[in-house]
Amino acid sequence: VPTFIYRFFTESNFIYSLLSMTLSFLFTYVFYVGFVKFYRRYTLEVLMAFAVLQSRETIS
């Protein structure tokens, strides 16, 4: 268990624990959304490149 979650329930520094958890979840969410965005984008670009390569091979 991460220490900030442990401290959230046991220590009296509630505001620091809440701030730490909020920042941690915010960074995690931003990295996840960025990964999903670029994963979908580059996957689509690769599929389009394969479609172009396949159509050129069949044309010539």
C-alpha atoms as a PDB file:
ATOM      1  CA  VAL A   1       0.000   0.000   0.000  1.00  0.00           C
ATOM      2  CA  PRO A   2       1.456   3.393  -0.940  1.00  0.00           C
ATOM      3  CA  THR A   3       2.400   5.533   2.006  1.00  0.00           C
ATOM      4  CA  PHE A   4       0.124   8.429   1.101  1.00  0.00           C
ATOM      5  CA  ILE A   5      -2.946   6.181   1.326  1.00  0.00           C
ATOM      6  CA  TYR A   6      -1.733   4.795   4.650  1.00  0.00           C
ATOM      7  CA  ARG A   7      -1.118   8.289   5.995  1.00  0.00           C
ATOM      8  CA  PHE A   8      -4.493   9.447   4.738  1.00  0.00           C
ATOM      9  CA  PHE A   9      -6.232   7.141   7.189  1.00  0.00           C
ATOM     10  CA  THR A  10      -3.778   7.208  10.100  1.00  0.00           C
ATOM     11  CA  GLU A  11      -2.082  10.601  10.411  1.00  0.00           C
ATOM     12  CA  SER A  12      -3.461  14.027  11.211  1.00  0.00           C
ATOM     13  CA  ASN A  13      -1.951  15.695   8.108  1.00  0.00           C
ATOM     14  CA  PHE A  14      -5.181  15.351   6.188  1.00  0.00           C
ATOM     15  CA  ILE A  15      -4.598  18.215   3.746  1.00  0.00           C
ATOM     16  CA  TYR A  16      -1.169  16.958   2.648  1.00  0.00           C
ATOM     17  CA  SER A  17      -2.449  13.446   2.171  1.00  0.00           C
ATOM     18  CA  LEU A  18      -5.413  14.689   0.186  1.00  0.00           C
ATOM     19  CA  LEU A  19      -3.169  16.892  -1.953  1.00  0.00           C
ATOM     20  CA  SER A  20      -0.776  14.015  -2.570  1.00  0.00           C
ATOM     21  CA  MET A  21      -3.568  11.660  -3.576  1.00  0.00           C
ATOM     22  CA  THR A  22      -5.179  14.250  -5.835  1.00  0.00           C
ATOM     23  CA  LEU A  23      -1.930  15.007  -7.656  1.00  0.00           C
ATOM     24  CA  SER A  24      -1.138  11.325  -7.991  1.00  0.00           C
ATOM     25  CA  PHE A  25      -4.514  10.504  -9.503  1.00  0.00           C
ATOM     26  CA  LEU A  26      -4.362  13.557 -11.763  1.00  0.00           C
ATOM     27  CA  PHE A  27      -0.969  12.578 -13.202  1.00  0.00           C
ATOM     28  CA  THR A  28      -2.124   9.000 -13.650  1.00  0.00           C
ATOM     29  CA  TYR A  29      -5.239  10.119 -15.511  1.00  0.00           C
ATOM     30  CA  VAL A  30      -3.302  12.498 -17.782  1.00  0.00           C
ATOM     31  CA  PHE A  31      -0.765   9.813 -18.710  1.00  0.00           C
ATOM     32  CA  TYR A  32      -3.557   7.297 -19.389  1.00  0.00           C
ATOM     33  CA  VAL A  33      -5.513   9.688 -21.608  1.00  0.00           C
ATOM     34  CA  GLY A  34      -2.349  10.605 -23.516  1.00  0.00           C
ATOM     35  CA  PHE A  35      -1.512   6.949 -24.050  1.00  0.00           C
ATOM     36  CA  VAL A  36      -4.990   6.125 -25.318  1.00  0.00           C
ATOM     37  CA  LYS A  37      -4.967   9.107 -27.686  1.00  0.00           C
ATOM     38  CA  PHE A  38      -1.640   8.303 -29.322  1.00  0.00           C
ATOM     39  CA  TYR A  39      -2.207   4.539 -29.271  1.00  0.00           C
ATOM     40  CA  ARG A  40      -5.404   4.926 -31.282  1.00  0.00           C
ATOM     41  CA  ARG A  41      -3.888   7.512 -33.600  1.00  0.00           C
ATOM     42  CA  TYR A  42      -0.784   5.558 -34.534  1.00  0.00           C
ATOM     43  CA  THR A  43      -2.694   2.285 -34.803  1.00  0.00           C
ATOM     44  CA  LEU A  44      -5.024   3.915 -37.334  1.00  0.00           C
ATOM     45  CA  GLU A  45      -2.072   5.350 -39.257  1.00  0.00           C
ATOM     46  CA  VAL A  46      -0.454   1.916 -39.494  1.00  0.00           C
ATOM     47  CA  LEU A  47      -3.697   0.374 -40.745  1.00  0.00           C
ATOM     48  CA  MET A  48      -4.033   3.101 -43.383  1.00  0.00           C
ATOM     49  CA  ALA A  49      -0.426   2.541 -44.467  1.00  0.00           C
ATOM     50  CA  PHE A  50      -1.077  -1.186 -44.863  1.00  0.00           C
ATOM     51  CA  ALA A  51      -4.190  -0.408 -46.917  1.00  0.00           C
ATOM     52  CA  VAL A  52      -2.199   1.834 -49.261  1.00  0.00           C
ATOM     53  CA  LEU A  53       0.603  -0.707 -49.633  1.00  0.00           C
ATOM     54  CA  GLN A  54      -1.822  -3.515 -50.364  1.00  0.00           C
ATOM     55  CA  SER A  55      -3.729  -1.503 -52.961  1.00  0.00           C
ATOM     56  CA  ARG A  56      -0.526  -0.467 -54.776  1.00  0.00           C
ATOM     57  CA  GLU A  57       0.670  -4.055 -54.944  1.00  0.00           C
ATOM     58  CA  THR A  58      -2.598  -5.225 -56.449  1.00  0.00           C
ATOM     59  CA  ILE A  59      -2.703  -2.341 -58.967  1.00  0.00           C
ATOM     60  CA  SER A  60       0.763  -2.910 -60.433  1.00  0.00           C
END
